[in-house]
Protein backbone atom coordinates (compact mmCIF):
# COMPACT_ATOMS: atom_id res chain seq x y z
CA MET A 1 -38.52 -61.93 7.91
CA ALA A 2 -37.77 -58.24 7.41
CA ARG A 3 -36.03 -57.35 4.23
CA THR A 4 -32.93 -55.23 4.57
CA THR A 5 -31.48 -53.00 1.93
CA THR A 6 -28.00 -51.60 1.71
CA ALA A 7 -27.50 -48.16 0.20
CA ARG A 8 -25.06 -48.07 -2.66
CA VAL A 9 -22.03 -45.95 -1.85
CA LEU A 10 -20.87 -43.68 -4.66
CA PRO A 11 -17.11 -43.25 -4.51
CA LEU A 12 -15.70 -39.77 -4.91
CA ARG A 13 -13.90 -39.03 -8.12
CA THR A 14 -10.20 -39.34 -7.36
CA TRP A 15 -7.09 -38.10 -9.09
CA LEU A 16 -3.74 -39.44 -8.04
CA ASP A 17 -2.00 -36.44 -9.57
CA PRO A 18 -3.57 -32.94 -9.31
CA THR A 19 -1.15 -31.74 -12.00
CA ALA A 20 -2.52 -34.26 -14.50
CA ALA A 21 -6.05 -33.27 -13.51
CA VAL A 22 -5.46 -29.57 -14.12
CA GLU A 23 -3.83 -30.31 -17.48
CA GLY A 24 -6.96 -32.19 -18.54
CA ALA A 25 -9.13 -29.31 -17.35
CA LEU A 26 -6.94 -26.83 -19.22
CA ALA A 27 -7.39 -28.78 -22.45
CA ALA A 28 -11.17 -28.70 -21.96
CA LEU A 29 -11.04 -24.97 -21.22
CA HIS A 30 -9.04 -24.23 -24.38
CA ARG A 31 -11.55 -26.18 -26.48
CA HIS A 32 -14.39 -24.25 -24.84
CA LEU A 33 -12.72 -20.88 -25.43
CA ASP A 34 -12.11 -21.77 -29.07
CA ARG A 35 -15.90 -21.94 -29.50
CA CYS A 36 -16.76 -18.92 -27.32
CA ALA A 37 -18.09 -15.59 -28.53
CA LEU A 38 -16.06 -13.69 -25.94
CA ALA A 39 -13.84 -10.77 -26.88
CA ALA A 40 -10.37 -11.77 -28.04
CA ASN A 41 -8.68 -9.95 -25.14
CA THR A 42 -10.93 -11.71 -22.63
CA ILE A 43 -10.14 -15.11 -24.12
CA LYS A 44 -6.42 -14.33 -24.06
CA ALA A 45 -6.65 -13.22 -20.41
CA TYR A 46 -8.61 -16.32 -19.36
CA ARG A 47 -6.06 -18.60 -20.99
CA ALA A 48 -3.19 -16.81 -19.27
CA ARG A 49 -4.87 -16.79 -15.83
CA ALA A 50 -5.84 -20.44 -16.08
CA ARG A 51 -2.27 -21.40 -17.02
CA ALA A 52 -1.00 -19.35 -14.06
CA TYR A 53 -3.32 -21.27 -11.74
CA ALA A 54 -2.14 -24.57 -13.23
CA ALA A 55 1.49 -23.58 -12.65
CA TRP A 56 0.76 -22.54 -9.06
CA LEU A 57 -1.14 -25.76 -8.37
CA GLY A 58 1.75 -27.77 -9.78
CA GLN A 59 4.03 -26.13 -7.20
CA HIS A 60 1.55 -26.77 -4.36
CA ALA A 61 0.09 -30.13 -5.39
CA GLY A 62 1.11 -31.71 -2.09
CA GLU A 63 -0.92 -29.14 -0.17
CA HIS A 64 -4.02 -29.60 -2.35
CA PRO A 65 -4.22 -33.26 -3.40
CA ASP A 66 -8.02 -32.96 -3.58
CA ALA A 67 -8.04 -29.89 -5.85
CA PHE A 68 -9.97 -31.88 -8.46
CA VAL A 69 -11.72 -34.42 -6.22
CA ASP A 70 -14.79 -32.46 -5.16
CA GLN A 71 -16.09 -28.91 -4.66
CA VAL A 72 -14.66 -28.59 -1.15
CA GLY A 73 -11.15 -29.45 -2.32
CA ALA A 74 -11.46 -27.26 -5.40
CA GLU A 75 -12.65 -24.23 -3.45
CA ALA A 76 -9.89 -24.70 -0.87
CA ALA A 77 -7.25 -24.72 -3.62
CA VAL A 78 -8.64 -21.68 -5.44
CA THR A 79 -9.04 -19.77 -2.15
CA ALA A 80 -5.37 -20.46 -1.37
CA TRP A 81 -4.46 -19.19 -4.84
CA ARG A 82 -6.52 -16.06 -4.17
CA ARG A 83 -4.49 -15.47 -0.99
CA HIS A 84 -1.28 -15.94 -2.99
CA LEU A 85 -2.36 -13.36 -5.60
CA THR A 86 -3.34 -10.89 -2.89
CA ALA A 87 0.01 -11.37 -1.14
CA THR A 88 1.83 -10.48 -4.37
CA LYS A 89 -0.09 -7.16 -4.41
CA ALA A 90 -2.09 -8.05 -7.50
CA SER A 91 -4.88 -5.51 -7.99
CA PRO A 92 -8.43 -6.52 -7.03
CA ALA A 93 -9.41 -6.42 -10.70
CA THR A 94 -6.56 -8.80 -11.58
CA VAL A 95 -7.49 -11.14 -8.72
CA ASN A 96 -11.13 -11.22 -9.77
CA GLN A 97 -10.27 -11.88 -13.40
CA ALA A 98 -8.05 -14.76 -12.25
CA LEU A 99 -10.88 -16.18 -10.12
CA ALA A 100 -13.29 -15.92 -13.04
CA ALA A 101 -10.84 -17.92 -15.16
CA ALA A 102 -10.52 -20.54 -12.41
CA ASP A 103 -14.32 -20.76 -12.16
CA LEU A 104 -14.56 -21.44 -15.87
CA LEU A 105 -11.68 -23.92 -15.71
CA TYR A 106 -13.50 -25.99 -13.10
CA GLU A 107 -16.90 -25.64 -14.72
CA VAL A 108 -15.90 -26.86 -18.17
CA GLY A 109 -13.00 -29.07 -17.10
CA ALA A 110 -14.40 -30.76 -14.00
CA GLY A 111 -18.12 -30.03 -13.89
CA LEU A 112 -17.81 -28.07 -10.66
CA ARG A 113 -19.34 -24.66 -9.89
CA LEU A 114 -17.19 -22.86 -7.36
CA LYS A 115 -18.17 -20.21 -4.83
CA VAL A 116 -14.95 -18.40 -3.96
CA LYS A 117 -15.28 -14.90 -2.54
CA ARG A 118 -14.12 -12.15 -4.88
CA ALA A 119 -11.63 -9.43 -3.97
CA ARG A 120 -13.04 -6.08 -2.98
CA VAL A 121 -12.61 -3.52 -5.74
CA PRO A 122 -11.96 -0.04 -4.32
CA ARG A 123 -14.72 2.35 -5.28
CA PRO A 124 -13.81 5.25 -7.55
CA GLY A 125 -12.25 7.96 -5.47
CA GLU A 126 -10.15 5.64 -3.35
CA PRO A 127 -6.89 5.58 -5.35
CA GLU A 128 -4.03 3.45 -4.12
CA ALA A 129 -1.76 6.23 -2.91
CA LEU A 130 1.32 5.39 -0.88
CA THR A 131 1.17 6.25 2.79
CA PRO A 132 3.78 8.78 3.94
CA LYS A 133 5.73 5.92 5.54
CA GLU A 134 5.64 3.89 2.32
CA GLN A 135 6.64 6.93 0.26
CA GLY A 136 9.65 7.51 2.52
CA ALA A 137 10.70 3.88 2.10
CA VAL A 138 10.39 4.14 -1.69
CA GLU A 139 12.47 7.33 -1.87
CA ARG A 140 15.20 5.85 0.33
CA ALA A 141 15.28 2.67 -1.76
CA ALA A 142 15.56 4.74 -4.95
CA ASP A 143 18.37 6.82 -3.49
CA ARG A 144 20.29 3.66 -2.62
CA ARG A 145 19.99 2.44 -6.22
CA GLY A 146 21.73 5.50 -7.65
CA ALA A 147 21.16 8.94 -9.13
CA ARG A 148 19.22 7.84 -12.22
CA ASP A 149 16.68 5.68 -10.40
CA ALA A 150 16.30 8.30 -7.66
CA GLY A 151 15.59 10.90 -10.35
CA ILE A 152 13.02 8.70 -12.08
CA VAL A 153 11.11 8.00 -8.87
CA ALA A 154 11.28 11.66 -7.83
CA THR A 155 9.89 12.74 -11.20
CA LEU A 156 6.95 10.35 -10.89
CA LEU A 157 6.28 11.20 -7.23
CA TYR A 158 6.68 14.97 -7.41
CA THR A 159 5.36 15.89 -10.86
CA GLY A 160 2.67 13.23 -11.36
CA ALA A 161 4.08 12.30 -14.77
CA ARG A 162 2.56 9.33 -16.54
CA VAL A 163 5.09 6.60 -17.25
CA GLN A 164 5.01 7.41 -20.99
CA GLU A 165 5.57 11.11 -20.24
CA CYS A 166 8.51 10.25 -18.02
CA ALA A 167 10.05 8.07 -20.74
CA ARG A 168 9.71 10.85 -23.36
CA LEU A 169 11.66 13.41 -21.33
CA ASP A 170 14.71 15.00 -22.90
CA VAL A 171 17.34 17.01 -21.07
CA ASN A 172 15.98 20.26 -22.53
CA ASP A 173 12.58 19.54 -20.93
CA LEU A 174 14.10 20.48 -17.57
CA ALA A 175 14.54 24.03 -16.33
CA ILE A 176 16.00 23.77 -12.84
CA THR A 177 17.86 26.17 -10.58
CA ALA A 178 18.73 25.95 -6.90
CA ARG A 179 15.43 27.59 -5.93
CA THR A 180 12.98 26.92 -8.75
CA GLY A 181 12.26 24.33 -11.36
CA THR A 182 9.80 23.26 -14.02
CA ILE A 183 9.48 20.20 -16.21
CA ARG A 184 7.83 20.00 -19.61
CA LEU A 185 5.68 16.90 -19.99
CA HIS A 186 4.48 15.67 -23.38
CA GLY A 187 1.10 14.10 -22.68
CA LYS A 188 -1.74 12.47 -24.55
CA GLY A 189 -2.79 13.90 -27.88
CA ASP A 190 0.35 16.04 -28.22
CA GLU A 191 -0.71 18.00 -25.13
CA VAL A 192 2.25 19.70 -23.46
CA ARG A 193 2.16 21.08 -19.93
CA GLN A 194 4.65 22.77 -17.64
CA VAL A 195 4.71 21.37 -14.10
CA PRO A 196 6.57 22.91 -11.14
CA VAL A 197 9.31 20.73 -9.65
CA PRO A 198 9.52 20.90 -5.84
CA ALA A 199 12.78 20.80 -3.93
CA PRO A 200 13.01 17.01 -3.26
CA ALA A 201 12.76 16.32 -6.99
CA ARG A 202 15.01 19.27 -7.98
CA ASP A 203 17.83 17.91 -5.83
CA ARG A 204 17.61 14.42 -7.32
CA LEU A 205 17.22 15.62 -10.90
CA THR A 206 20.21 17.94 -10.50
CA ALA A 207 22.28 15.04 -9.14
CA TRP A 208 21.32 12.88 -12.13
CA THR A 209 22.01 15.54 -14.79
CA ARG A 210 25.43 16.16 -13.26
CA HIS A 211 26.14 12.44 -13.49
CA ARG A 212 24.65 12.08 -16.98
CA GLY A 213 26.13 15.21 -18.50
CA ALA A 214 24.42 18.15 -20.17
CA GLU A 215 24.56 16.97 -23.79
CA PRO A 216 21.15 17.01 -25.54
CA GLY A 217 19.11 13.84 -25.82
CA PRO A 218 16.98 11.54 -23.70
CA LEU A 219 17.00 12.27 -19.99
CA TRP A 220 16.89 8.62 -18.90
CA ILE A 221 19.55 6.43 -20.44
CA GLY A 222 20.11 2.71 -20.10
CA GLN A 223 22.55 0.31 -21.71
CA ARG A 224 20.71 0.53 -25.03
CA GLY A 225 19.96 4.22 -25.06
CA ARG A 226 16.69 5.89 -24.06
CA LEU A 227 14.73 4.05 -21.39
CA THR A 228 11.28 3.07 -22.65
CA ALA A 229 8.08 3.12 -20.61
CA SER A 230 8.75 -0.55 -19.93
CA GLY A 231 12.23 0.29 -18.71
CA ILE A 232 10.86 2.98 -16.38
CA THR A 233 8.35 0.44 -15.04
CA GLN A 234 11.13 -2.06 -14.37
CA VAL A 235 13.01 0.58 -12.38
CA VAL A 236 9.92 1.28 -10.25
CA LEU A 237 9.30 -2.44 -9.74
CA ALA A 238 12.89 -2.90 -8.56
CA VAL A 239 12.66 0.10 -6.22
CA GLY A 240 9.36 -1.19 -4.84
CA ALA A 241 10.86 -4.62 -4.18
CA ASP A 242 13.76 -3.00 -2.31
CA ALA A 243 11.27 -0.93 -0.28
CA GLY A 244 9.12 -3.93 0.66
CA LEU A 245 6.39 -2.99 -1.83
CA PRO A 246 6.39 -5.70 -4.50
CA ALA A 247 4.45 -4.99 -7.70
CA LEU A 248 4.81 -1.21 -7.26
CA ARG A 249 3.90 0.51 -10.53
CA PRO A 250 4.52 4.05 -11.83
CA HIS A 251 0.80 4.89 -11.83
CA ARG A 252 0.67 4.39 -8.07
CA LEU A 253 3.27 7.14 -7.73
CA ARG A 254 1.04 9.37 -9.88
CA HIS A 255 -1.89 8.52 -7.58
CA THR A 256 0.28 9.50 -4.62
CA TYR A 257 1.15 12.86 -6.18
CA ALA A 258 -2.52 13.67 -6.84
CA THR A 259 -3.57 12.59 -3.37
CA ARG A 260 -0.88 14.73 -1.72
CA LEU A 261 -2.04 17.74 -3.77
CA ARG A 262 -5.61 17.31 -2.59
CA GLN A 263 -4.54 16.72 1.01
CA GLY A 264 -2.44 19.88 0.82
CA GLY A 265 -5.39 22.03 -0.23
CA ALA A 266 -5.17 22.11 -4.04
CA ASP A 267 -8.56 22.48 -5.70
CA SER A 268 -9.87 20.21 -8.44
CA ALA A 269 -9.00 22.63 -11.28
CA GLN A 270 -5.40 22.86 -10.09
CA VAL A 271 -5.07 19.09 -9.81
CA GLN A 272 -6.64 18.65 -13.27
CA ALA A 273 -4.12 21.04 -14.82
CA LEU A 274 -1.12 19.48 -13.07
CA LEU A 275 -2.12 15.92 -14.00
CA GLY A 276 -3.11 16.79 -17.56
CA HIS A 277 -6.61 15.35 -17.27
CA ALA A 278 -8.94 16.17 -20.15
CA SER A 279 -11.99 15.98 -17.87
CA LEU A 280 -12.71 17.03 -14.31
CA ASP A 281 -14.61 13.76 -13.91
CA THR A 282 -11.27 11.94 -13.94
CA THR A 283 -9.78 14.31 -11.39
CA ALA A 284 -12.82 14.05 -9.10
CA ARG A 285 -11.81 10.60 -7.85
CA TYR A 286 -9.00 12.19 -5.83
CA PHE A 287 -11.51 14.34 -3.96
CA ARG A 288 -13.37 11.40 -2.44
CA ALA A 289 -11.21 10.22 0.42
CA GLY A 290 -11.03 6.59 1.46
CA VAL A 291 -12.44 5.17 4.68
CA ALA A 292 -9.15 5.35 6.61
CA GLU A 293 -8.62 9.00 5.73
CA GLN A 294 -12.22 9.90 6.62
CA ALA A 295 -11.76 8.27 10.03
CA ALA A 296 -8.51 10.17 10.61
CA VAL A 297 -10.21 13.49 9.75
CA VAL A 298 -13.08 12.83 12.18
CA GLU A 299 -10.64 11.87 14.96
CA ARG A 300 -8.57 15.02 14.40
CA ILE A 301 -11.57 17.36 14.32
CA PHE A 302 -13.33 15.93 17.36
CA ASP A 303 -10.28 15.16 19.48
């Protein structure tokens, strides 16, 4: 009589509550990071990103009940989180750091090694400038918010000021008439530069100074006095949200200014001087156009 054997079935690890599972994994991750030789900033970032994933998973536990059952469920959950981060306009570097934290969370907290595709990081020379359509939407949104916010956005877009330089501005840093204008920017290392102010910014700055008054002091005033760099950033974030561009930051407006200069024919030395770059190597990134712009140039030339 033939002997039959029955293979033993190994049940999958199951968690009734993905939120409880991620909390257990977080505890394991924190213990692991306590023993790691990573840089303090990296450890801090990993903790924050892992907690953000845990919070997101708690809100979407019903959609990912198998987030800690097996690798397929885990990768599906993390991929969905990646899509969420991308939709909120998080930078590729931020997305990839978050994915690295999730990888470590699963590795030390669940014994799973994930393979989730990373976000593409734009190569140097492909800065995230606003398109002309996006820029128009941002300026209109700023105008609707009032003279101060319109002036802040115009300063960033049309002088390329860093957010710290914008926050440091005093009324006497402006020299504006109906036909000409300059702004004095206090940059890194006590470097001071004079930047021309084109007409769209002159009009908005004039409107704000009329509203503010001509008395000496900080140019940008909030409820508690001078707006800080953080306050300027909050204004830009609010304007971006109104314009349909969530997570808009002041540096993107600086990128837009530099890109428009290059597209308009400014040479690298001119752009370097206007942006206050210490090195031409930093300026050079604006002279390597992205793929979309290269395609548009070819179409225009060979049309």
